[in-house]
Structure formats: C-alpha cells, structure tokens
Amino acid sequence: MIQALSIVGDVFWILALALMCSLSWGAWKRIGPETQVPVAWKDAAVSARVHRLPALWLLPLLAFAGGVWLKFESRAGGLGLDGALIALGVRVTLAPLLAVLHLSQVRRGLATLEAEGQL
C-alpha cells in the first residue's frame, strides 16, 4: 500500500514537471537568445529581468530537485501508512502549485514581451 501511494505521488510530480518543461520549451523557442525576460513585477511595471535560461528553467529544475527529495522521503525506511499518506498529500499539493506558479510567470513574461514587441 505504501509503495502504491508513492507511485501515485510520482505520477502527479511527473505530470507537473512535464507541463512545466513543455511550457518552458515552447517559450524558449519564441524568445530570442539575447532577450531579457521579465520575472518580477511591481503593479504593472517590470521590476526585474533575467536571461531566458534561468527565467524559463530555474523553477522546473528546482521542482525536479524537490521532487527527488520528496520521493526519497516518501520511501524512507520505517515509514508507516500515516506517514505515507502525509507524504502523498504534500506531493499531490506541491506539484500542481509549482506548475501553476510556473505557468503564470511564463505567461505573464510572454505577454509583457509581446506588448513590448520583443517576440
């Protein structure tokens, strides 16, 4: 049962990472190599810009690292059913939250670049 719960958590995490990587790959092809991508806004004004590599791939990379750590924690020795359910809850909650965060950041960055005529 504990192993099945770990696999369910893996499915959620893999789907979230696939969505984030697909989005980043599509945006990567649209953004020029020297374009500074907006990553932070204060009201409607852009407050920070970075190169497209960290703007598009940092969050998926951090999500992957966090997912690996959570995978090991969900399969830790001596973990009971209660612990496995808590680990599943954490993984099932964090995966879509990170995907939505990445989706909104990239979408807003692309919209800003489109409005500036840089796409």
Protein backbone atom coordinates (compact mmCIF):
# COMPACT_ATOMS: atom_id res chain seq x y z
CA MET A 1 0.00 0.00 0.00
CA ILE A 2 2.80 2.42 0.90
CA GLN A 3 4.53 1.66 -2.39
CA ALA A 4 1.31 2.38 -4.32
CA LEU A 5 0.93 5.73 -2.56
CA SER A 6 4.49 6.61 -3.53
CA ILE A 7 3.75 5.76 -7.16
CA VAL A 8 0.63 7.96 -7.14
CA GLY A 9 2.77 10.83 -5.86
CA ASP A 10 5.28 10.13 -8.64
CA VAL A 11 2.53 10.40 -11.25
CA PHE A 12 1.45 13.82 -10.01
CA TRP A 13 5.04 15.05 -9.88
CA ILE A 14 5.87 13.72 -13.37
CA LEU A 15 2.78 15.36 -14.86
CA ALA A 16 3.63 18.70 -13.26
CA LEU A 17 7.25 18.53 -14.46
CA ALA A 18 6.12 17.55 -17.97
CA LEU A 19 3.79 20.54 -18.08
CA MET A 20 6.48 22.92 -16.84
CA CYS A 21 9.13 21.61 -19.25
CA SER A 22 6.75 21.70 -22.20
CA LEU A 23 5.82 25.28 -21.41
CA SER A 24 9.46 26.30 -20.98
CA TRP A 25 10.48 24.60 -24.22
CA GLY A 26 7.72 26.35 -26.17
CA ALA A 27 8.61 29.74 -24.67
CA TRP A 28 12.31 29.09 -25.27
CA LYS A 29 11.65 28.81 -29.00
CA ARG A 30 9.69 32.09 -29.04
CA ILE A 31 12.14 34.22 -27.04
CA GLY A 32 15.30 35.49 -28.70
CA PRO A 33 18.70 34.42 -27.32
CA GLU A 34 19.63 37.90 -26.07
CA THR A 35 16.21 38.90 -24.76
CA GLN A 36 15.94 39.73 -21.07
CA VAL A 37 12.77 38.06 -19.77
CA PRO A 38 10.67 39.83 -17.11
CA VAL A 39 10.38 37.75 -13.96
CA ALA A 40 9.07 40.19 -11.35
CA TRP A 41 6.54 42.99 -11.48
CA LYS A 42 5.53 45.78 -9.17
CA ASP A 43 1.95 46.58 -10.08
CA ALA A 44 2.11 46.77 -13.90
CA ALA A 45 5.78 47.77 -14.19
CA VAL A 46 8.54 45.23 -14.67
CA SER A 47 10.92 45.30 -11.72
CA ALA A 48 13.36 42.52 -12.67
CA ARG A 49 14.59 40.89 -15.87
CA VAL A 50 16.95 37.96 -16.36
CA HIS A 51 18.33 35.92 -19.23
CA ARG A 52 15.90 33.40 -20.70
CA LEU A 53 17.77 30.36 -19.30
CA PRO A 54 17.07 31.00 -15.59
CA ALA A 55 13.73 32.65 -16.36
CA LEU A 56 12.39 29.53 -18.05
CA TRP A 57 14.29 26.63 -16.49
CA LEU A 58 15.12 27.52 -12.88
CA LEU A 59 11.73 26.65 -11.40
CA PRO A 60 11.42 23.32 -13.27
CA LEU A 61 14.95 22.43 -12.14
CA LEU A 62 14.16 23.29 -8.52
CA ALA A 63 10.89 21.36 -8.77
CA PHE A 64 12.78 18.34 -10.08
CA ALA A 65 15.27 18.51 -7.20
CA GLY A 66 12.46 18.92 -4.67
CA GLY A 67 10.57 16.04 -6.25
CA VAL A 68 13.59 13.76 -5.97
CA TRP A 69 13.98 14.66 -2.31
CA LEU A 70 10.26 14.09 -1.64
CA LYS A 71 10.45 10.76 -3.49
CA PHE A 72 13.21 9.55 -1.18
CA GLU A 73 11.32 10.80 1.85
CA SER A 74 8.13 9.03 0.74
CA ARG A 75 10.05 5.73 0.53
CA ALA A 76 12.03 6.13 3.76
CA GLY A 77 12.51 3.06 5.88
CA GLY A 78 10.16 2.74 8.82
CA LEU A 79 7.53 4.97 7.24
CA GLY A 80 4.06 3.89 8.28
CA LEU A 81 0.78 4.31 6.48
CA ASP A 82 0.08 7.65 8.19
CA GLY A 83 3.47 9.00 7.11
CA ALA A 84 2.96 7.73 3.57
CA LEU A 85 -0.41 9.48 3.37
CA ILE A 86 1.11 12.73 4.61
CA ALA A 87 3.95 12.44 2.08
CA LEU A 88 1.41 11.79 -0.66
CA GLY A 89 -0.60 14.83 0.42
CA VAL A 90 2.48 17.04 0.32
CA ARG A 91 3.49 15.78 -3.12
CA VAL A 92 -0.03 15.99 -4.57
CA THR A 93 -0.38 19.56 -3.26
CA LEU A 94 3.04 20.93 -4.20
CA ALA A 95 3.24 19.53 -7.74
CA PRO A 96 0.26 21.42 -9.19
CA LEU A 97 1.07 24.55 -7.17
CA LEU A 98 4.54 24.73 -8.69
CA ALA A 99 3.12 24.05 -12.16
CA VAL A 100 0.57 26.86 -11.80
CA LEU A 101 3.23 29.23 -10.45
CA HIS A 102 5.47 28.49 -13.43
CA LEU A 103 2.57 28.77 -15.86
CA SER A 104 1.55 32.18 -14.56
CA GLN A 105 5.12 33.52 -14.51
CA VAL A 106 5.90 32.42 -18.07
CA ARG A 107 2.53 33.55 -19.38
CA ARG A 108 2.93 37.00 -17.84
CA GLY A 109 6.51 37.26 -19.09
CA LEU A 110 5.47 36.34 -22.62
CA ALA A 111 2.57 38.81 -22.51
CA THR A 112 4.94 41.57 -21.41
CA LEU A 113 7.45 40.74 -24.14
CA GLU A 114 4.63 40.61 -26.70
CA ALA A 115 3.40 44.04 -25.63
CA GLU A 116 6.95 45.40 -25.92
CA GLY A 117 7.33 43.85 -29.39
CA GLN A 118 10.25 41.62 -28.41
CA LEU A 119 8.77 38.32 -29.55
